[in-house]
Amino acid sequence: MRLSGFLVLLLLAGASAGRPAAQSLGSAPRVYGAVGLAPGVGAVVGTTRPVGFVAAEAALGVDIRFVGTGRVLTSLGLGGSLRLARVAAEARRAAPGATDLDVGLRVGPSFYAAFGEPTAASEARAFGVMSDAFARASRRTPSGRVVFVEVGTQAPAIRAGLTTSVGGRVRR
């Protein structure tokens, strides 16, 4: 819990700093990949489609734990997020900066598979509904790459990785 608090403070400090010269993250659809850092070991891949102050979200996550009874948890979440940095920039009547802060919720099915546990017990709780409330900070580095850190309620709860835009502006 202390680590999540530290990450949130670090992200807020970065957002409150002056806008860097780096380019804005924009509103093109983005895909991302992350390594799950804790608890357990995992990975998350997903996509986000920003539209103004909100974004549509989809993510596929896998979490593996080896402590005690081992397990693999796979989940698919669909939902949305509020783009706090975009709202703040608009309120200040400023151009969006190189940092994006999102808070949101993804909900969807999850599949639990245990190893080292009787089959009937693991089958009884094999399927469930996942709810992942999350906060994510994305930042464009001077080299042009976009890195992010995400803290959520679904395992792995701390995720970090890279994101990139796909496509470009929508032509009318």
N, C-alpha and C. Protein backbone atom coordinates (compact mmCIF):
# COMPACT_ATOMS: atom_id res chain seq x y z
N MET A 1 0.82 -1.19 0.00
CA MET A 1 0.00 0.00 0.00
C MET A 1 0.87 1.25 0.00
N ARG A 2 1.99 1.24 0.70
CA ARG A 2 2.88 2.41 0.70
C ARG A 2 3.42 2.69 -0.69
N LEU A 3 3.73 1.63 -1.45
CA LEU A 3 4.25 1.80 -2.80
C LEU A 3 3.20 2.46 -3.68
N SER A 4 1.93 2.05 -3.59
CA SER A 4 0.89 2.67 -4.41
C SER A 4 0.73 4.14 -4.03
N GLY A 5 0.77 4.47 -2.77
CA GLY A 5 0.69 5.87 -2.35
C GLY A 5 1.84 6.69 -2.89
N PHE A 6 3.03 6.11 -2.86
CA PHE A 6 4.21 6.79 -3.39
C PHE A 6 4.06 7.04 -4.89
N LEU A 7 3.57 6.02 -5.63
CA LEU A 7 3.38 6.18 -7.07
C LEU A 7 2.37 7.27 -7.40
N VAL A 8 1.28 7.31 -6.64
CA VAL A 8 0.26 8.34 -6.87
C VAL A 8 0.85 9.72 -6.62
N LEU A 9 1.61 9.89 -5.53
CA LEU A 9 2.24 11.18 -5.25
C LEU A 9 3.23 11.56 -6.33
N LEU A 10 4.00 10.60 -6.80
CA LEU A 10 4.97 10.85 -7.87
C LEU A 10 4.25 11.29 -9.14
N LEU A 11 3.15 10.64 -9.47
CA LEU A 11 2.40 11.00 -10.67
C LEU A 11 1.78 12.38 -10.55
N LEU A 12 1.25 12.71 -9.39
CA LEU A 12 0.67 14.04 -9.18
C LEU A 12 1.73 15.12 -9.25
N ALA A 13 2.90 14.85 -8.71
CA ALA A 13 4.00 15.82 -8.78
C ALA A 13 4.41 16.06 -10.22
N GLY A 14 4.48 15.01 -11.00
CA GLY A 14 4.82 15.16 -12.41
C GLY A 14 3.77 15.94 -13.17
N ALA A 15 2.52 15.74 -12.82
CA ALA A 15 1.44 16.44 -13.51
C ALA A 15 1.40 17.91 -13.13
N SER A 16 1.79 18.26 -11.92
CA SER A 16 1.73 19.64 -11.49
C SER A 16 2.93 20.45 -11.94
N ALA A 17 3.98 19.77 -12.42
CA ALA A 17 5.15 20.49 -12.92
C ALA A 17 4.78 21.21 -14.20
N GLY A 18 5.59 22.16 -14.58
CA GLY A 18 5.33 22.90 -15.81
C GLY A 18 5.30 21.99 -17.02
N ARG A 19 4.57 22.41 -18.05
CA ARG A 19 4.46 21.60 -19.25
C ARG A 19 5.82 21.50 -19.93
N PRO A 20 6.29 20.28 -20.23
CA PRO A 20 7.54 20.15 -20.92
C PRO A 20 7.37 20.50 -22.39
N ALA A 21 8.48 20.64 -23.09
CA ALA A 21 8.44 20.98 -24.50
C ALA A 21 7.99 19.80 -25.35
N ALA A 22 7.89 18.64 -24.76
CA ALA A 22 7.51 17.45 -25.52
C ALA A 22 6.10 17.58 -26.07
N GLN A 23 5.83 16.83 -27.10
CA GLN A 23 4.55 16.86 -27.79
C GLN A 23 3.44 16.24 -26.95
N SER A 24 2.22 16.74 -27.12
CA SER A 24 1.05 16.20 -26.43
C SER A 24 0.81 14.74 -26.84
N LEU A 25 0.14 13.98 -25.96
CA LEU A 25 -0.16 12.59 -26.27
C LEU A 25 -1.26 12.47 -27.31
N GLY A 26 -2.07 13.49 -27.50
CA GLY A 26 -3.09 13.48 -28.55
C GLY A 26 -4.30 12.63 -28.23
N SER A 27 -5.14 12.43 -29.27
CA SER A 27 -6.39 11.70 -29.09
C SER A 27 -6.52 10.52 -30.03
N ALA A 28 -5.41 10.04 -30.59
CA ALA A 28 -5.47 8.86 -31.46
C ALA A 28 -5.65 7.61 -30.60
N PRO A 29 -6.28 6.56 -31.14
CA PRO A 29 -6.37 5.31 -30.38
C PRO A 29 -4.97 4.82 -30.01
N ARG A 30 -4.84 4.20 -28.84
CA ARG A 30 -3.54 3.74 -28.36
C ARG A 30 -3.63 2.27 -27.99
N VAL A 31 -2.54 1.54 -28.17
CA VAL A 31 -2.41 0.18 -27.67
C VAL A 31 -1.29 0.19 -26.64
N TYR A 32 -1.38 -0.69 -25.65
CA TYR A 32 -0.35 -0.71 -24.62
C TYR A 32 -0.06 -2.13 -24.18
N GLY A 33 1.14 -2.29 -23.68
CA GLY A 33 1.58 -3.54 -23.10
C GLY A 33 2.31 -3.24 -21.82
N ALA A 34 2.08 -4.07 -20.81
CA ALA A 34 2.68 -3.81 -19.51
C ALA A 34 3.08 -5.10 -18.84
N VAL A 35 4.04 -4.97 -17.96
CA VAL A 35 4.44 -6.06 -17.08
C VAL A 35 3.77 -5.79 -15.75
N GLY A 36 3.15 -6.82 -15.18
CA GLY A 36 2.55 -6.70 -13.86
C GLY A 36 3.64 -6.87 -12.82
N LEU A 37 3.78 -5.88 -11.96
CA LEU A 37 4.89 -5.86 -11.01
C LEU A 37 4.55 -6.45 -9.66
N ALA A 38 3.30 -6.35 -9.22
CA ALA A 38 2.94 -6.87 -7.91
C ALA A 38 1.43 -6.84 -7.76
N PRO A 39 0.81 -7.64 -6.98
CA PRO A 39 1.36 -8.88 -6.44
C PRO A 39 1.39 -9.93 -7.54
N GLY A 40 2.19 -10.92 -7.39
CA GLY A 40 2.35 -11.94 -8.42
C GLY A 40 3.15 -11.42 -9.59
N VAL A 41 3.14 -12.16 -10.67
CA VAL A 41 3.83 -11.79 -11.90
C VAL A 41 2.80 -11.85 -13.00
N GLY A 42 2.76 -10.87 -13.86
CA GLY A 42 1.75 -10.91 -14.89
C GLY A 42 2.03 -9.99 -16.03
N ALA A 43 1.06 -9.86 -16.90
CA ALA A 43 1.15 -8.99 -18.07
C ALA A 43 -0.24 -8.48 -18.40
N VAL A 44 -0.28 -7.30 -19.00
CA VAL A 44 -1.53 -6.71 -19.43
C VAL A 44 -1.31 -6.13 -20.83
N VAL A 45 -2.23 -6.41 -21.73
CA VAL A 45 -2.24 -5.76 -23.04
C VAL A 45 -3.62 -5.17 -23.23
N GLY A 46 -3.67 -4.04 -23.90
CA GLY A 46 -4.97 -3.42 -24.06
C GLY A 46 -4.97 -2.30 -25.07
N THR A 47 -6.10 -1.62 -25.13
CA THR A 47 -6.26 -0.50 -26.02
C THR A 47 -7.12 0.55 -25.34
N THR A 48 -6.89 1.79 -25.70
CA THR A 48 -7.69 2.88 -25.20
C THR A 48 -8.00 3.81 -26.37
N ARG A 49 -9.20 4.31 -26.42
CA ARG A 49 -9.63 5.21 -27.49
C ARG A 49 -10.10 6.51 -26.85
N PRO A 50 -9.20 7.52 -26.77
CA PRO A 50 -9.58 8.81 -26.17
C PRO A 50 -10.55 9.58 -27.06
N VAL A 51 -11.55 10.17 -26.43
CA VAL A 51 -12.49 11.05 -27.11
C VAL A 51 -12.75 12.21 -26.15
N GLY A 52 -12.05 13.31 -26.35
CA GLY A 52 -12.21 14.47 -25.47
C GLY A 52 -11.73 14.17 -24.06
N PHE A 53 -12.66 14.29 -23.09
CA PHE A 53 -12.32 14.11 -21.69
C PHE A 53 -12.43 12.67 -21.21
N VAL A 54 -12.91 11.77 -22.05
CA VAL A 54 -13.09 10.37 -21.66
C VAL A 54 -12.36 9.46 -22.65
N ALA A 55 -12.23 8.19 -22.27
CA ALA A 55 -11.63 7.21 -23.17
C ALA A 55 -12.31 5.87 -22.97
N ALA A 56 -12.53 5.14 -24.05
CA ALA A 56 -13.02 3.77 -23.98
C ALA A 56 -11.81 2.87 -23.73
N GLU A 57 -11.97 1.85 -22.91
CA GLU A 57 -10.86 1.00 -22.50
C GLU A 57 -11.19 -0.47 -22.71
N ALA A 58 -10.18 -1.26 -23.08
CA ALA A 58 -10.29 -2.72 -23.12
C ALA A 58 -8.93 -3.28 -22.74
N ALA A 59 -8.90 -4.31 -21.90
CA ALA A 59 -7.62 -4.88 -21.46
C ALA A 59 -7.75 -6.37 -21.20
N LEU A 60 -6.71 -7.09 -21.55
CA LEU A 60 -6.60 -8.52 -21.27
C LEU A 60 -5.44 -8.67 -20.29
N GLY A 61 -5.69 -9.29 -19.15
CA GLY A 61 -4.65 -9.43 -18.13
C GLY A 61 -4.44 -10.87 -17.72
N VAL A 62 -3.20 -11.19 -17.36
CA VAL A 62 -2.84 -12.51 -16.86
C VAL A 62 -2.00 -12.29 -15.61
N ASP A 63 -2.34 -12.98 -14.53
CA ASP A 63 -1.58 -12.89 -13.28
C ASP A 63 -1.27 -14.30 -12.82
N ILE A 64 -0.01 -14.55 -12.48
CA ILE A 64 0.42 -15.87 -12.03
C ILE A 64 1.02 -15.73 -10.63
N ARG A 65 0.59 -16.59 -9.72
CA ARG A 65 1.16 -16.60 -8.36
C ARG A 65 1.66 -17.99 -8.05
N PHE A 66 2.83 -18.05 -7.45
CA PHE A 66 3.45 -19.33 -7.11
C PHE A 66 3.47 -19.57 -5.61
N VAL A 67 3.13 -18.59 -4.80
CA VAL A 67 3.17 -18.71 -3.35
C VAL A 67 1.95 -19.47 -2.87
N GLY A 68 2.15 -20.42 -1.94
CA GLY A 68 1.03 -21.23 -1.44
C GLY A 68 0.48 -22.09 -2.56
N THR A 69 -0.83 -22.06 -2.72
CA THR A 69 -1.46 -22.74 -3.85
C THR A 69 -1.28 -21.86 -5.06
N GLY A 70 -0.59 -22.37 -6.06
CA GLY A 70 -0.35 -21.58 -7.27
C GLY A 70 -1.62 -21.37 -8.06
N ARG A 71 -1.66 -20.29 -8.85
CA ARG A 71 -2.84 -20.03 -9.65
C ARG A 71 -2.49 -19.15 -10.85
N VAL A 72 -3.34 -19.23 -11.85
CA VAL A 72 -3.27 -18.35 -13.01
C VAL A 72 -4.64 -17.69 -13.11
N LEU A 73 -4.67 -16.37 -13.18
CA LEU A 73 -5.90 -15.62 -13.30
C LEU A 73 -5.85 -14.84 -14.61
N THR A 74 -6.81 -15.10 -15.48
CA THR A 74 -6.91 -14.40 -16.76
C THR A 74 -8.20 -13.60 -16.75
N SER A 75 -8.13 -12.34 -17.20
CA SER A 75 -9.32 -11.51 -17.19
C SER A 75 -9.39 -10.64 -18.43
N LEU A 76 -10.60 -10.29 -18.81
CA LEU A 76 -10.86 -9.39 -19.92
C LEU A 76 -11.76 -8.29 -19.39
N GLY A 77 -11.30 -7.06 -19.47
CA GLY A 77 -12.09 -5.95 -18.94
C GLY A 77 -12.42 -4.92 -20.01
N LEU A 78 -13.65 -4.46 -20.00
CA LEU A 78 -14.11 -3.39 -20.87
C LEU A 78 -14.64 -2.27 -19.99
N GLY A 79 -14.39 -1.03 -20.38
CA GLY A 79 -14.88 0.07 -19.56
C GLY A 79 -14.47 1.41 -20.12
N GLY A 80 -14.22 2.34 -19.24
CA GLY A 80 -13.86 3.68 -19.66
C GLY A 80 -13.07 4.40 -18.59
N SER A 81 -12.55 5.57 -18.98
CA SER A 81 -11.78 6.36 -18.04
C SER A 81 -12.03 7.84 -18.27
N LEU A 82 -11.75 8.63 -17.25
CA LEU A 82 -11.83 10.08 -17.30
C LEU A 82 -10.40 10.60 -17.40
N ARG A 83 -10.14 11.47 -18.38
CA ARG A 83 -8.78 11.98 -18.63
C ARG A 83 -8.57 13.26 -17.82
N LEU A 84 -8.07 13.11 -16.60
CA LEU A 84 -7.96 14.23 -15.67
C LEU A 84 -7.02 15.33 -16.16
N ALA A 85 -5.90 14.97 -16.78
CA ALA A 85 -4.97 15.99 -17.28
C ALA A 85 -5.61 16.81 -18.39
N ARG A 86 -6.43 16.18 -19.22
CA ARG A 86 -7.12 16.89 -20.30
C ARG A 86 -8.15 17.85 -19.72
N VAL A 87 -8.87 17.41 -18.68
CA VAL A 87 -9.84 18.28 -18.02
C VAL A 87 -9.13 19.48 -17.39
N ALA A 88 -7.99 19.24 -16.72
CA ALA A 88 -7.24 20.33 -16.07
C ALA A 88 -6.70 21.31 -17.11
N ALA A 89 -6.20 20.82 -18.22
CA ALA A 89 -5.68 21.70 -19.28
C ALA A 89 -6.78 22.58 -19.84
N GLU A 90 -7.95 22.00 -20.03
CA GLU A 90 -9.08 22.77 -20.55
C GLU A 90 -9.52 23.83 -19.54
N ALA A 91 -9.53 23.46 -18.25
CA ALA A 91 -9.92 24.41 -17.21
C ALA A 91 -8.94 25.58 -17.14
N ARG A 92 -7.65 25.32 -17.40
CA ARG A 92 -6.62 26.38 -17.41
C ARG A 92 -6.54 27.08 -18.76
N ARG A 93 -7.30 26.58 -19.74
CA ARG A 93 -7.25 27.08 -21.11
C ARG A 93 -5.83 26.99 -21.66
N ALA A 94 -5.22 25.84 -21.40
CA ALA A 94 -3.84 25.59 -21.84
C ALA A 94 -3.83 24.40 -22.79
N ALA A 95 -2.77 24.30 -23.56
CA ALA A 95 -2.60 23.15 -24.45
C ALA A 95 -2.28 21.92 -23.61
N PRO A 96 -2.78 20.74 -24.02
CA PRO A 96 -2.44 19.52 -23.28
C PRO A 96 -0.93 19.30 -23.29
N GLY A 97 -0.40 18.81 -22.19
CA GLY A 97 1.03 18.58 -22.10
C GLY A 97 1.41 17.16 -22.46
N ALA A 98 2.61 16.77 -22.09
CA ALA A 98 3.15 15.45 -22.41
C ALA A 98 2.75 14.40 -21.39
N THR A 99 1.95 14.79 -20.38
CA THR A 99 1.51 13.84 -19.35
C THR A 99 0.00 13.69 -19.42
N ASP A 100 -0.47 12.46 -19.33
CA ASP A 100 -1.90 12.19 -19.31
C ASP A 100 -2.20 11.41 -18.03
N LEU A 101 -3.22 11.79 -17.31
CA LEU A 101 -3.65 11.08 -16.11
C LEU A 101 -5.08 10.60 -16.33
N ASP A 102 -5.31 9.32 -16.13
CA ASP A 102 -6.63 8.74 -16.33
C ASP A 102 -7.06 8.00 -15.08
N VAL A 103 -8.33 8.07 -14.74
CA VAL A 103 -8.92 7.21 -13.72
C VAL A 103 -10.13 6.55 -14.35
N GLY A 104 -10.31 5.26 -14.09
CA GLY A 104 -11.41 4.59 -14.75
C GLY A 104 -11.77 3.27 -14.12
N LEU A 105 -12.62 2.54 -14.84
CA LEU A 105 -13.12 1.25 -14.37
C LEU A 105 -13.28 0.33 -15.58
N ARG A 106 -12.79 -0.90 -15.43
CA ARG A 106 -12.99 -1.95 -16.42
C ARG A 106 -13.67 -3.12 -15.73
N VAL A 107 -14.65 -3.71 -16.38
CA VAL A 107 -15.41 -4.83 -15.82
C VAL A 107 -15.49 -5.91 -16.89
N GLY A 108 -15.42 -7.16 -16.47
CA GLY A 108 -15.56 -8.25 -17.42
C GLY A 108 -15.33 -9.60 -16.79
N PRO A 109 -15.31 -10.64 -17.62
CA PRO A 109 -15.15 -12.00 -17.11
C PRO A 109 -13.71 -12.30 -16.72
N SER A 110 -13.57 -13.22 -15.78
CA SER A 110 -12.23 -13.69 -15.40
C SER A 110 -12.28 -15.21 -15.27
N PHE A 111 -11.14 -15.82 -15.49
CA PHE A 111 -11.02 -17.27 -15.41
C PHE A 111 -9.87 -17.60 -14.47
N TYR A 112 -10.12 -18.42 -13.49
CA TYR A 112 -9.18 -18.79 -12.45
C TYR A 112 -8.79 -20.26 -12.63
N ALA A 113 -7.52 -20.55 -12.70
CA ALA A 113 -7.04 -21.94 -12.77
C ALA A 113 -5.99 -22.13 -11.69
N ALA A 114 -6.22 -23.08 -10.80
CA ALA A 114 -5.28 -23.34 -9.72
C ALA A 114 -4.48 -24.60 -10.02
N PHE A 115 -3.25 -24.63 -9.54
CA PHE A 115 -2.48 -25.86 -9.61
C PHE A 115 -2.06 -26.20 -8.18
N GLY A 116 -2.05 -27.49 -7.86
CA GLY A 116 -1.78 -27.92 -6.49
C GLY A 116 -3.03 -27.90 -5.63
N GLU A 117 -4.20 -27.88 -6.24
CA GLU A 117 -5.47 -27.83 -5.51
C GLU A 117 -6.40 -28.87 -6.13
N PRO A 118 -7.28 -29.48 -5.35
CA PRO A 118 -8.22 -30.45 -5.92
C PRO A 118 -9.03 -29.83 -7.06
N THR A 119 -9.27 -30.60 -8.09
CA THR A 119 -9.96 -30.12 -9.29
C THR A 119 -11.34 -29.56 -9.00
N ALA A 120 -12.14 -30.23 -8.19
CA ALA A 120 -13.51 -29.76 -7.91
C ALA A 120 -13.49 -28.38 -7.25
N ALA A 121 -12.55 -28.15 -6.35
CA ALA A 121 -12.48 -26.86 -5.67
C ALA A 121 -12.12 -25.75 -6.65
N SER A 122 -11.18 -26.00 -7.55
CA SER A 122 -10.80 -24.95 -8.50
C SER A 122 -11.89 -24.74 -9.54
N GLU A 123 -12.60 -25.80 -9.95
CA GLU A 123 -13.67 -25.64 -10.92
C GLU A 123 -14.84 -24.86 -10.35
N ALA A 124 -15.08 -24.97 -9.05
CA ALA A 124 -16.19 -24.27 -8.42
C ALA A 124 -16.03 -22.76 -8.51
N ARG A 125 -14.81 -22.29 -8.59
CA ARG A 125 -14.60 -20.84 -8.69
C ARG A 125 -13.80 -20.46 -9.94
N ALA A 126 -13.90 -21.27 -10.98
CA ALA A 126 -13.14 -21.05 -12.20
C ALA A 126 -13.53 -19.77 -12.92
N PHE A 127 -14.82 -19.45 -12.99
CA PHE A 127 -15.27 -18.25 -13.69
C PHE A 127 -15.78 -17.23 -12.69
N GLY A 128 -15.55 -15.97 -12.99
CA GLY A 128 -16.03 -14.90 -12.12
C GLY A 128 -16.16 -13.61 -12.91
N VAL A 129 -16.56 -12.58 -12.21
CA VAL A 129 -16.64 -11.25 -12.80
C VAL A 129 -15.57 -10.39 -12.16
N MET A 130 -14.77 -9.76 -12.99
CA MET A 130 -13.66 -8.93 -12.55
C MET A 130 -14.09 -7.47 -12.61
N SER A 131 -13.68 -6.70 -11.63
CA SER A 131 -13.88 -5.26 -11.61
C SER A 131 -12.55 -4.62 -11.27
N ASP A 132 -12.04 -3.79 -12.17
CA ASP A 132 -10.72 -3.19 -12.00
C ASP A 132 -10.82 -1.67 -12.04
N ALA A 133 -10.86 -1.05 -10.86
CA ALA A 133 -10.77 0.41 -10.78
C ALA A 133 -9.29 0.74 -10.89
N PHE A 134 -8.93 1.74 -11.71
CA PHE A 134 -7.51 1.99 -11.95
C PHE A 134 -7.23 3.48 -12.09
N ALA A 135 -5.95 3.81 -11.89
CA ALA A 135 -5.41 5.14 -12.16
C ALA A 135 -4.15 4.93 -12.99
N ARG A 136 -4.02 5.69 -14.07
CA ARG A 136 -2.88 5.51 -14.97
C ARG A 136 -2.27 6.86 -15.31
N ALA A 137 -0.96 6.93 -15.30
CA ALA A 137 -0.23 8.11 -15.74
C ALA A 137 0.63 7.71 -16.93
N SER A 138 0.48 8.45 -18.02
CA SER A 138 1.27 8.23 -19.23
C SER A 138 2.09 9.48 -19.48
N ARG A 139 3.31 9.30 -19.96
CA ARG A 139 4.18 10.45 -20.21
C ARG A 139 5.03 10.20 -21.44
N ARG A 140 5.07 11.19 -22.32
CA ARG A 140 5.92 11.13 -23.50
C ARG A 140 7.33 11.53 -23.07
N THR A 141 8.30 10.66 -23.34
CA THR A 141 9.69 10.94 -23.00
C THR A 141 10.31 11.83 -24.08
N PRO A 142 11.46 12.45 -23.80
CA PRO A 142 12.11 13.28 -24.82
C PRO A 142 12.44 12.50 -26.11
N SER A 143 12.60 11.18 -26.01
CA SER A 143 12.89 10.39 -27.21
C SER A 143 11.63 10.10 -28.02
N GLY A 144 10.45 10.46 -27.50
CA GLY A 144 9.20 10.25 -28.22
C GLY A 144 8.42 9.02 -27.79
N ARG A 145 9.02 8.15 -26.98
CA ARG A 145 8.29 6.98 -26.48
C ARG A 145 7.31 7.42 -25.39
N VAL A 146 6.23 6.66 -25.25
CA VAL A 146 5.26 6.96 -24.20
C VAL A 146 5.28 5.81 -23.20
N VAL A 147 5.61 6.12 -21.95
CA VAL A 147 5.66 5.14 -20.87
C VAL A 147 4.48 5.40 -19.95
N PHE A 148 4.07 4.36 -19.22
CA PHE A 148 2.97 4.56 -18.28
C PHE A 148 3.14 3.66 -17.06
N VAL A 149 2.49 4.10 -15.99
CA VAL A 149 2.38 3.33 -14.75
C VAL A 149 0.89 3.32 -14.43
N GLU A 150 0.39 2.14 -14.06
CA GLU A 150 -1.03 2.00 -13.74
C GLU A 150 -1.15 1.27 -12.41
N VAL A 151 -2.02 1.75 -11.56
CA VAL A 151 -2.32 1.09 -10.28
C VAL A 151 -3.79 0.74 -10.33
N GLY A 152 -4.12 -0.54 -10.07
CA GLY A 152 -5.51 -0.96 -10.14
C GLY A 152 -5.87 -1.93 -9.04
N THR A 153 -7.12 -2.34 -9.04
CA THR A 153 -7.59 -3.27 -8.01
C THR A 153 -7.51 -4.72 -8.47
N GLN A 154 -7.33 -4.97 -9.75
CA GLN A 154 -7.22 -6.32 -10.29
C GLN A 154 -5.75 -6.72 -10.35
N ALA A 155 -5.45 -7.97 -9.98
CA ALA A 155 -4.07 -8.44 -10.03
C ALA A 155 -3.64 -8.63 -11.47
N PRO A 156 -2.42 -8.29 -11.82
CA PRO A 156 -1.42 -7.59 -11.02
C PRO A 156 -1.82 -6.13 -10.83
N ALA A 157 -1.74 -5.67 -9.60
CA ALA A 157 -2.26 -4.35 -9.25
C ALA A 157 -1.35 -3.20 -9.66
N ILE A 158 -0.07 -3.43 -9.81
CA ILE A 158 0.86 -2.39 -10.25
C ILE A 158 1.42 -2.83 -11.59
N ARG A 159 1.20 -1.99 -12.61
CA ARG A 159 1.59 -2.34 -13.98
C ARG A 159 2.39 -1.19 -14.58
N ALA A 160 3.37 -1.51 -15.39
CA ALA A 160 4.17 -0.48 -16.04
C ALA A 160 4.56 -0.97 -17.43
N GLY A 161 4.57 -0.07 -18.39
CA GLY A 161 4.92 -0.49 -19.73
C GLY A 161 4.97 0.66 -20.72
N LEU A 162 4.80 0.29 -21.98
CA LEU A 162 4.86 1.24 -23.11
C LEU A 162 3.52 1.29 -23.81
N THR A 163 3.21 2.42 -24.40
CA THR A 163 2.01 2.58 -25.19
C THR A 163 2.36 3.32 -26.48
N THR A 164 1.62 3.05 -27.52
CA THR A 164 1.85 3.72 -28.79
C THR A 164 0.52 4.00 -29.48
N SER A 165 0.48 5.05 -30.27
CA SER A 165 -0.76 5.36 -30.97
C SER A 165 -0.85 4.50 -32.22
N VAL A 166 -2.07 4.20 -32.61
CA VAL A 166 -2.32 3.46 -33.85
C VAL A 166 -3.23 4.34 -34.69
N GLY A 167 -2.98 4.34 -35.95
CA GLY A 167 -3.79 5.21 -36.83
C GLY A 167 -3.39 6.65 -36.63
N GLY A 168 -4.26 7.51 -36.82
CA GLY A 168 -4.00 8.95 -36.68
C GLY A 168 -5.30 9.67 -36.53
N ARG A 169 -5.35 10.85 -37.09
CA ARG A 169 -6.59 11.61 -37.03
C ARG A 169 -7.65 10.95 -37.88
N VAL A 170 -8.87 11.04 -37.42
CA VAL A 170 -9.98 10.50 -38.18
C VAL A 170 -10.33 11.51 -39.26
N ARG A 171 -10.31 11.07 -40.53
CA ARG A 171 -10.63 11.97 -41.63
C ARG A 171 -12.13 11.98 -41.84
N ARG A 172 -12.66 13.14 -42.08
CA ARG A 172 -14.11 13.25 -42.30
C ARG A 172 -14.39 13.43 -43.75
